[in-house]
Amino acid sequence: MIRIKLALLLALGLIAPAFADDQGDVDKVNGAISIDDGANGGKLSTVNGGIRIGANAHVKSAETVNGGIHVGASATLDSVESVNGGIKLGANAKVGRTVNVVNGSITLEQGADVAGKASNVNGGIQLDAAHIGGGIYTVNGDITIGANSRVEGGILVEENHSWFTVNSRKPRIVIGPHAVVQGTLKFKREVELWVSDSATIGAVDGATAQKFSGDRPPQ
């Protein structure tokens, strides 16, 4: 009787069918997660596995421990988080809130957009004509704000309080040609700061900016 009623409702268009491309919430241990191109997904979570979100896909969130996360071109999600693995946002991918990594890099390809903060502890942060709306935070990572990128909310490089590692290397911070960083660039540890002569930045606290011309500063 229930099946007959459901069939009738579907036929009358009073309820919508469940689409095959809606992959829902996925929670795994010791396994990777993959969302197809153009598919919909819910909350994605795994331990000891990576997450791949296909191009033009739409998911709620992605979280992994001991694995990286790759977000395909023009895909969208609310938040993305990784422990011991990098996060890469493809061209024009959009994150509605934050990108958080403990040990791993953050890479934003051309046109990628993070509405909130992008933060990590160890690992580089790189933008290629991309946008971050809530600022950048790191402790030990290099930061490259590539040409034509835009960051609101400033940059904070925190002091290294680790008891286990003595990290004498200075993080290298590069603000590329025609890039814009609004807000304070605050450095609580010694860094190497390079700023293009065509870039626009806010106040600098804790470092001395070195100007450069051309595509990149000297190595």
C-alpha atoms as a PDB file:
ATOM      1  CA  MET A   1       0.000   0.000   0.000  1.00  0.00           C
ATOM      2  CA  ILE A   2       2.860   2.426   0.893  1.00  0.00           C
ATOM      3  CA  ARG A   3       4.617   1.715  -2.425  1.00  0.00           C
ATOM      4  CA  ILE A   4       1.377   2.370  -4.325  1.00  0.00           C
ATOM      5  CA  LYS A   5       0.906   5.710  -2.554  1.00  0.00           C
ATOM      6  CA  LEU A   6       4.511   6.735  -3.248  1.00  0.00           C
ATOM      7  CA  ALA A   7       4.185   5.802  -6.910  1.00  0.00           C
ATOM      8  CA  LEU A   8       0.998   7.840  -7.176  1.00  0.00           C
ATOM      9  CA  LEU A   9       2.585  10.879  -5.527  1.00  0.00           C
ATOM     10  CA  LEU A  10       5.586  10.667  -7.863  1.00  0.00           C
ATOM     11  CA  ALA A  11       3.319  10.370 -10.879  1.00  0.00           C
ATOM     12  CA  LEU A  12       1.344  13.433  -9.793  1.00  0.00           C
ATOM     13  CA  GLY A  13       4.559  15.384  -9.191  1.00  0.00           C
ATOM     14  CA  LEU A  14       3.700  16.010  -5.553  1.00  0.00           C
ATOM     15  CA  ILE A  15       7.058  14.716  -4.280  1.00  0.00           C
ATOM     16  CA  ALA A  16      10.469  14.772  -5.963  1.00  0.00           C
ATOM     17  CA  PRO A  17      12.477  11.632  -6.660  1.00  0.00           C
ATOM     18  CA  ALA A  18      15.838  11.088  -4.968  1.00  0.00           C
ATOM     19  CA  PHE A  19      18.460  11.789  -7.596  1.00  0.00           C
ATOM     20  CA  ALA A  20      21.201   9.241  -8.181  1.00  0.00           C
ATOM     21  CA  ASP A  21      23.861  11.943  -7.999  1.00  0.00           C
ATOM     22  CA  ASP A  22      23.012  12.833  -4.386  1.00  0.00           C
ATOM     23  CA  GLN A  23      25.644  10.896  -2.439  1.00  0.00           C
ATOM     24  CA  GLY A  24      24.594  12.136   1.025  1.00  0.00           C
ATOM     25  CA  ASP A  25      26.745  12.009   4.163  1.00  0.00           C
ATOM     26  CA  VAL A  26      29.794   9.728   4.017  1.00  0.00           C
ATOM     27  CA  ASP A  27      31.745   8.626   7.115  1.00  0.00           C
ATOM     28  CA  LYS A  28      34.679   6.217   6.746  1.00  0.00           C
ATOM     29  CA  VAL A  29      37.662   4.799   8.604  1.00  0.00           C
ATOM     30  CA  ASN A  30      40.664   3.597   6.575  1.00  0.00           C
ATOM     31  CA  GLY A  31      39.237   4.594   3.245  1.00  0.00           C
ATOM     32  CA  ALA A  32      39.097   7.350   0.660  1.00  0.00           C
ATOM     33  CA  ILE A  33      35.980   9.290  -0.319  1.00  0.00           C
ATOM     34  CA  SER A  34      35.195  10.400  -3.867  1.00  0.00           C
ATOM     35  CA  ILE A  35      32.313  12.595  -4.990  1.00  0.00           C
ATOM     36  CA  ASP A  36      31.569  12.473  -8.701  1.00  0.00           C
ATOM     37  CA  ASP A  37      31.739  15.506 -10.972  1.00  0.00           C
ATOM     38  CA  GLY A  38      28.520  17.476 -10.722  1.00  0.00           C
ATOM     39  CA  ALA A  39      27.194  15.375  -7.835  1.00  0.00           C
ATOM     40  CA  ASN A  40      25.751  16.501  -4.490  1.00  0.00           C
ATOM     41  CA  GLY A  41      27.080  15.347  -1.128  1.00  0.00           C
ATOM     42  CA  GLY A  42      26.549  15.989   2.566  1.00  0.00           C
ATOM     43  CA  LYS A  43      29.139  15.862   5.339  1.00  0.00           C
ATOM     44  CA  LEU A  44      32.236  13.938   4.235  1.00  0.00           C
ATOM     45  CA  SER A  45      34.508  12.538   6.952  1.00  0.00           C
ATOM     46  CA  THR A  46      37.290   9.959   6.879  1.00  0.00           C
ATOM     47  CA  VAL A  47      40.286   8.782   8.902  1.00  0.00           C
ATOM     48  CA  ASN A  48      43.356   7.462   7.051  1.00  0.00           C
ATOM     49  CA  GLY A  49      42.096   8.411   3.628  1.00  0.00           C
ATOM     50  CA  GLY A  50      41.890  11.291   1.220  1.00  0.00           C
ATOM     51  CA  ILE A  51      38.822  13.077  -0.124  1.00  0.00           C
ATOM     52  CA  ARG A  52      38.237  13.995  -3.751  1.00  0.00           C
ATOM     53  CA  ILE A  53      35.362  16.314  -4.650  1.00  0.00           C
ATOM     54  CA  GLY A  54      34.686  16.414  -8.366  1.00  0.00           C
ATOM     55  CA  ALA A  55      34.335  19.449 -10.575  1.00  0.00           C
ATOM     56  CA  ASN A  56      31.041  21.345 -10.192  1.00  0.00           C
ATOM     57  CA  ALA A  57      30.071  19.159  -7.220  1.00  0.00           C
ATOM     58  CA  HIS A  58      28.253  20.574  -4.182  1.00  0.00           C
ATOM     59  CA  VAL A  59      28.880  19.204  -0.679  1.00  0.00           C
ATOM     60  CA  LYS A  60      28.255  20.366   2.888  1.00  0.00           C
ATOM     61  CA  SER A  61      31.735  19.858   4.334  1.00  0.00           C
ATOM     62  CA  ALA A  62      34.884  17.729   4.064  1.00  0.00           C
ATOM     63  CA  GLU A  63      37.072  16.565   6.948  1.00  0.00           C
ATOM     64  CA  THR A  64      39.916  14.048   7.064  1.00  0.00           C
ATOM     65  CA  VAL A  65      42.697  12.862   9.371  1.00  0.00           C
ATOM     66  CA  ASN A  66      45.828  11.519   7.659  1.00  0.00           C
ATOM     67  CA  GLY A  67      44.792  12.379   4.146  1.00  0.00           C
ATOM     68  CA  GLY A  68      44.617  15.222   1.691  1.00  0.00           C
ATOM     69  CA  ILE A  69      41.553  16.905   0.193  1.00  0.00           C
ATOM     70  CA  HIS A  70      41.194  17.930  -3.444  1.00  0.00           C
ATOM     71  CA  VAL A  71      38.270  20.141  -4.399  1.00  0.00           C
ATOM     72  CA  GLY A  72      37.597  20.191  -8.123  1.00  0.00           C
ATOM     73  CA  ALA A  73      37.062  23.209 -10.338  1.00  0.00           C
ATOM     74  CA  SER A  74      33.901  25.216  -9.594  1.00  0.00           C
ATOM     75  CA  ALA A  75      32.890  22.866  -6.757  1.00  0.00           C
ATOM     76  CA  THR A  76      31.311  24.391  -3.649  1.00  0.00           C
ATOM     77  CA  LEU A  77      31.230  23.483   0.045  1.00  0.00           C
ATOM     78  CA  ASP A  78      30.809  25.184   3.419  1.00  0.00           C
ATOM     79  CA  SER A  79      34.049  24.169   5.128  1.00  0.00           C
ATOM     80  CA  VAL A  80      37.069  21.927   4.672  1.00  0.00           C
ATOM     81  CA  GLU A  81      39.473  20.604   7.316  1.00  0.00           C
ATOM     82  CA  SER A  82      42.469  18.272   7.336  1.00  0.00           C
ATOM     83  CA  VAL A  83      44.954  16.940   9.882  1.00  0.00           C
ATOM     84  CA  ASN A  84      48.180  15.653   8.315  1.00  0.00           C
ATOM     85  CA  GLY A  85      47.268  16.336   4.713  1.00  0.00           C
ATOM     86  CA  GLY A  86      47.144  19.222   2.283  1.00  0.00           C
ATOM     87  CA  ILE A  87      44.062  20.936   0.857  1.00  0.00           C
ATOM     88  CA  LYS A  88      43.830  22.070  -2.753  1.00  0.00           C
ATOM     89  CA  LEU A  89      40.990  24.127  -4.206  1.00  0.00           C
ATOM     90  CA  GLY A  90      40.664  23.956  -7.978  1.00  0.00           C
ATOM     91  CA  ALA A  91      39.927  26.897 -10.243  1.00  0.00           C
ATOM     92  CA  ASN A  92      36.810  28.836  -9.188  1.00  0.00           C
ATOM     93  CA  ALA A  93      36.049  26.462  -6.303  1.00  0.00           C
ATOM     94  CA  LYS A  94      34.225  28.150  -3.433  1.00  0.00           C
ATOM     95  CA  VAL A  95      34.294  27.547   0.333  1.00  0.00           C
ATOM     96  CA  GLY A  96      31.533  29.344   2.222  1.00  0.00           C
ATOM     97  CA  ARG A  97      33.316  29.421   5.560  1.00  0.00           C
ATOM     98  CA  THR A  98      36.819  28.239   6.534  1.00  0.00           C
ATOM     99  CA  VAL A  99      39.777  26.140   5.416  1.00  0.00           C
ATOM    100  CA  ASN A 100      41.743  24.629   8.317  1.00  0.00           C
ATOM    101  CA  VAL A 101      44.829  22.404   8.222  1.00  0.00           C
ATOM    102  CA  VAL A 102      47.110  21.263  11.024  1.00  0.00           C
ATOM    103  CA  ASN A 103      50.048  19.759   9.124  1.00  0.00           C
ATOM    104  CA  GLY A 104      49.715  20.373   5.415  1.00  0.00           C
ATOM    105  CA  SER A 105      49.655  22.924   2.653  1.00  0.00           C
ATOM    106  CA  ILE A 106      46.777  25.061   1.387  1.00  0.00           C
ATOM    107  CA  THR A 107      46.628  25.812  -2.338  1.00  0.00           C
ATOM    108  CA  LEU A 108      44.065  28.006  -4.102  1.00  0.00           C
ATOM    109  CA  GLU A 109      44.072  27.885  -7.863  1.00  0.00           C
ATOM    110  CA  GLN A 110      42.939  30.739 -10.093  1.00  0.00           C
ATOM    111  CA  GLY A 111      39.582  32.167  -9.090  1.00  0.00           C
ATOM    112  CA  ALA A 112      39.195  30.006  -5.964  1.00  0.00           C
ATOM    113  CA  ASP A 113      37.355  31.746  -3.141  1.00  0.00           C
ATOM    114  CA  VAL A 114      37.347  31.197   0.639  1.00  0.00           C
ATOM    115  CA  ALA A 115      34.822  33.415   2.410  1.00  0.00           C
ATOM    116  CA  GLY A 116      36.331  32.900   5.875  1.00  0.00           C
ATOM    117  CA  LYS A 117      39.797  32.273   7.280  1.00  0.00           C
ATOM    118  CA  ALA A 118      42.488  29.984   5.834  1.00  0.00           C
ATOM    119  CA  SER A 119      44.775  28.629   8.533  1.00  0.00           C
ATOM    120  CA  ASN A 120      47.442  26.019   9.160  1.00  0.00           C
ATOM    121  CA  VAL A 121      50.314  25.293  11.511  1.00  0.00           C
ATOM    122  CA  ASN A 122      52.912  23.649   9.279  1.00  0.00           C
ATOM    123  CA  GLY A 123      52.845  23.881   5.497  1.00  0.00           C
ATOM    124  CA  GLY A 124      52.814  26.466   2.768  1.00  0.00           C
ATOM    125  CA  ILE A 125      49.841  28.619   1.778  1.00  0.00           C
ATOM    126  CA  GLN A 126      49.637  29.659  -1.861  1.00  0.00           C
ATOM    127  CA  LEU A 127      47.110  31.732  -3.811  1.00  0.00           C
ATOM    128  CA  ASP A 128      47.011  32.071  -7.593  1.00  0.00           C
ATOM    129  CA  ALA A 129      44.729  34.995  -8.480  1.00  0.00           C
ATOM    130  CA  ALA A 130      42.458  33.765  -5.680  1.00  0.00           C
ATOM    131  CA  HIS A 131      40.537  35.305  -2.770  1.00  0.00           C
ATOM    132  CA  ILE A 132      40.396  34.801   1.007  1.00  0.00           C
ATOM    133  CA  GLY A 133      37.883  36.887   2.919  1.00  0.00           C
ATOM    134  CA  GLY A 134      38.733  36.158   6.553  1.00  0.00           C
ATOM    135  CA  GLY A 135      42.494  36.455   6.729  1.00  0.00           C
ATOM    136  CA  ILE A 136      45.410  34.016   6.784  1.00  0.00           C
ATOM    137  CA  TYR A 137      46.947  32.354   9.852  1.00  0.00           C
ATOM    138  CA  THR A 138      50.046  30.177  10.092  1.00  0.00           C
ATOM    139  CA  VAL A 139      52.897  29.332  12.439  1.00  0.00           C
ATOM    140  CA  ASN A 140      55.638  27.759  10.337  1.00  0.00           C
ATOM    141  CA  GLY A 141      54.357  27.972   6.762  1.00  0.00           C
ATOM    142  CA  ASP A 142      55.557  30.053   3.861  1.00  0.00           C
ATOM    143  CA  ILE A 143      52.833  32.247   2.325  1.00  0.00           C
ATOM    144  CA  THR A 144      52.630  33.256  -1.328  1.00  0.00           C
ATOM    145  CA  ILE A 145      49.876  35.707  -2.220  1.00  0.00           C
ATOM    146  CA  GLY A 146      50.205  35.342  -5.976  1.00  0.00           C
ATOM    147  CA  ALA A 147      49.622  37.958  -8.628  1.00  0.00           C
ATOM    148  CA  ASN A 148      46.125  39.496  -8.666  1.00  0.00           C
ATOM    149  CA  SER A 149      45.083  37.712  -5.472  1.00  0.00           C
ATOM    150  CA  ARG A 150      43.081  39.427  -2.750  1.00  0.00           C
ATOM    151  CA  VAL A 151      43.006  38.855   1.007  1.00  0.00           C
ATOM    152  CA  GLU A 152      40.806  40.621   3.532  1.00  0.00           C
ATOM    153  CA  GLY A 153      41.416  40.244   7.243  1.00  0.00           C
ATOM    154  CA  GLY A 154      45.180  40.523   7.101  1.00  0.00           C
ATOM    155  CA  ILE A 155      47.892  37.959   7.833  1.00  0.00           C
ATOM    156  CA  LEU A 156      49.002  36.573  11.186  1.00  0.00           C
ATOM    157  CA  VAL A 157      52.159  34.506  11.616  1.00  0.00           C
ATOM    158  CA  GLU A 158      52.060  33.212  15.162  1.00  0.00           C
ATOM    159  CA  GLU A 159      55.030  32.528  17.435  1.00  0.00           C
ATOM    160  CA  ASN A 160      56.178  28.909  17.454  1.00  0.00           C
ATOM    161  CA  HIS A 161      55.493  27.477  20.923  1.00  0.00           C
ATOM    162  CA  SER A 162      56.309  23.855  20.102  1.00  0.00           C
ATOM    163  CA  TRP A 163      58.256  21.970  22.766  1.00  0.00           C
ATOM    164  CA  PHE A 164      59.313  19.290  20.328  1.00  0.00           C
ATOM    165  CA  THR A 165      60.781  21.176  17.399  1.00  0.00           C
ATOM    166  CA  VAL A 166      63.299  23.962  17.242  1.00  0.00           C
ATOM    167  CA  ASN A 167      62.493  25.655  13.942  1.00  0.00           C
ATOM    168  CA  SER A 168      65.170  28.218  13.133  1.00  0.00           C
ATOM    169  CA  ARG A 169      64.053  28.733   9.525  1.00  0.00           C
ATOM    170  CA  LYS A 170      62.238  31.993   8.891  1.00  0.00           C
ATOM    171  CA  PRO A 171      58.921  31.695   7.049  1.00  0.00           C
ATOM    172  CA  ARG A 172      59.004  33.410   3.645  1.00  0.00           C
ATOM    173  CA  ILE A 173      56.055  35.701   2.907  1.00  0.00           C
ATOM    174  CA  VAL A 174      55.590  36.953  -0.655  1.00  0.00           C
ATOM    175  CA  ILE A 175      52.925  39.436  -1.792  1.00  0.00           C
ATOM    176  CA  GLY A 176      52.889  39.278  -5.589  1.00  0.00           C
ATOM    177  CA  PRO A 177      52.218  41.799  -8.361  1.00  0.00           C
ATOM    178  CA  HIS A 178      48.868  43.630  -8.129  1.00  0.00           C
ATOM    179  CA  ALA A 179      47.889  41.558  -5.085  1.00  0.00           C
ATOM    180  CA  VAL A 180      45.886  43.237  -2.320  1.00  0.00           C
ATOM    181  CA  VAL A 181      46.061  42.426   1.397  1.00  0.00           C
ATOM    182  CA  GLN A 182      43.642  44.435   3.517  1.00  0.00           C
ATOM    183  CA  GLY A 183      44.157  44.532   7.268  1.00  0.00           C
ATOM    184  CA  THR A 184      47.297  44.238   9.348  1.00  0.00           C
ATOM    185  CA  LEU A 185      50.162  41.934   8.434  1.00  0.00           C
ATOM    186  CA  LYS A 186      51.235  40.884  11.930  1.00  0.00           C
ATOM    187  CA  PHE A 187      54.315  38.752  12.579  1.00  0.00           C
ATOM    188  CA  LYS A 188      55.019  37.359  16.040  1.00  0.00           C
ATOM    189  CA  ARG A 189      58.202  35.669  14.883  1.00  0.00           C
ATOM    190  CA  GLU A 190      60.980  36.616  12.495  1.00  0.00           C
ATOM    191  CA  VAL A 191      60.005  36.286   8.833  1.00  0.00           C
ATOM    192  CA  GLU A 192      61.313  37.171   5.407  1.00  0.00           C
ATOM    193  CA  LEU A 193      58.740  39.545   3.877  1.00  0.00           C
ATOM    194  CA  TRP A 194      58.747  40.464   0.191  1.00  0.00           C
ATOM    195  CA  VAL A 195      56.176  42.836  -1.305  1.00  0.00           C
ATOM    196  CA  SER A 196      55.785  43.634  -5.003  1.00  0.00           C
ATOM    197  CA  ASP A 197      56.091  47.287  -5.917  1.00  0.00           C
ATOM    198  CA  SER A 198      52.623  47.007  -7.504  1.00  0.00           C
ATOM    199  CA  ALA A 199      50.940  45.305  -4.538  1.00  0.00           C
ATOM    200  CA  THR A 200      48.723  47.041  -1.971  1.00  0.00           C
ATOM    201  CA  ILE A 201      48.978  46.029   1.684  1.00  0.00           C
ATOM    202  CA  GLY A 202      47.872  47.195   5.110  1.00  0.00           C
ATOM    203  CA  ALA A 203      50.054  48.071   8.075  1.00  0.00           C
ATOM    204  CA  VAL A 204      53.011  45.779   8.830  1.00  0.00           C
ATOM    205  CA  ASP A 205      53.677  44.837  12.456  1.00  0.00           C
ATOM    206  CA  GLY A 206      56.776  42.839  13.406  1.00  0.00           C
ATOM    207  CA  ALA A 207      58.677  42.752  10.106  1.00  0.00           C
ATOM    208  CA  THR A 208      60.321  44.987   7.521  1.00  0.00           C
ATOM    209  CA  ALA A 209      58.968  44.687   3.987  1.00  0.00           C
ATOM    210  CA  GLN A 210      61.450  44.316   1.150  1.00  0.00           C
ATOM    211  CA  LYS A 211      60.231  45.591  -2.222  1.00  0.00           C
ATOM    212  CA  PHE A 212      60.725  43.697  -5.477  1.00  0.00           C
ATOM    213  CA  SER A 213      59.927  44.246  -9.156  1.00  0.00           C
ATOM    214  CA  GLY A 214      58.874  41.673 -11.717  1.00  0.00           C
ATOM    215  CA  ASP A 215      57.046  38.406 -11.214  1.00  0.00           C
ATOM    216  CA  ARG A 216      58.836  37.199  -8.087  1.00  0.00           C
ATOM    217  CA  PRO A 217      61.492  38.211  -5.553  1.00  0.00           C
ATOM    218  CA  PRO A 218      65.065  36.887  -5.661  1.00  0.00           C
ATOM    219  CA  GLN A 219      65.574  33.425  -4.208  1.00  0.00           C
END
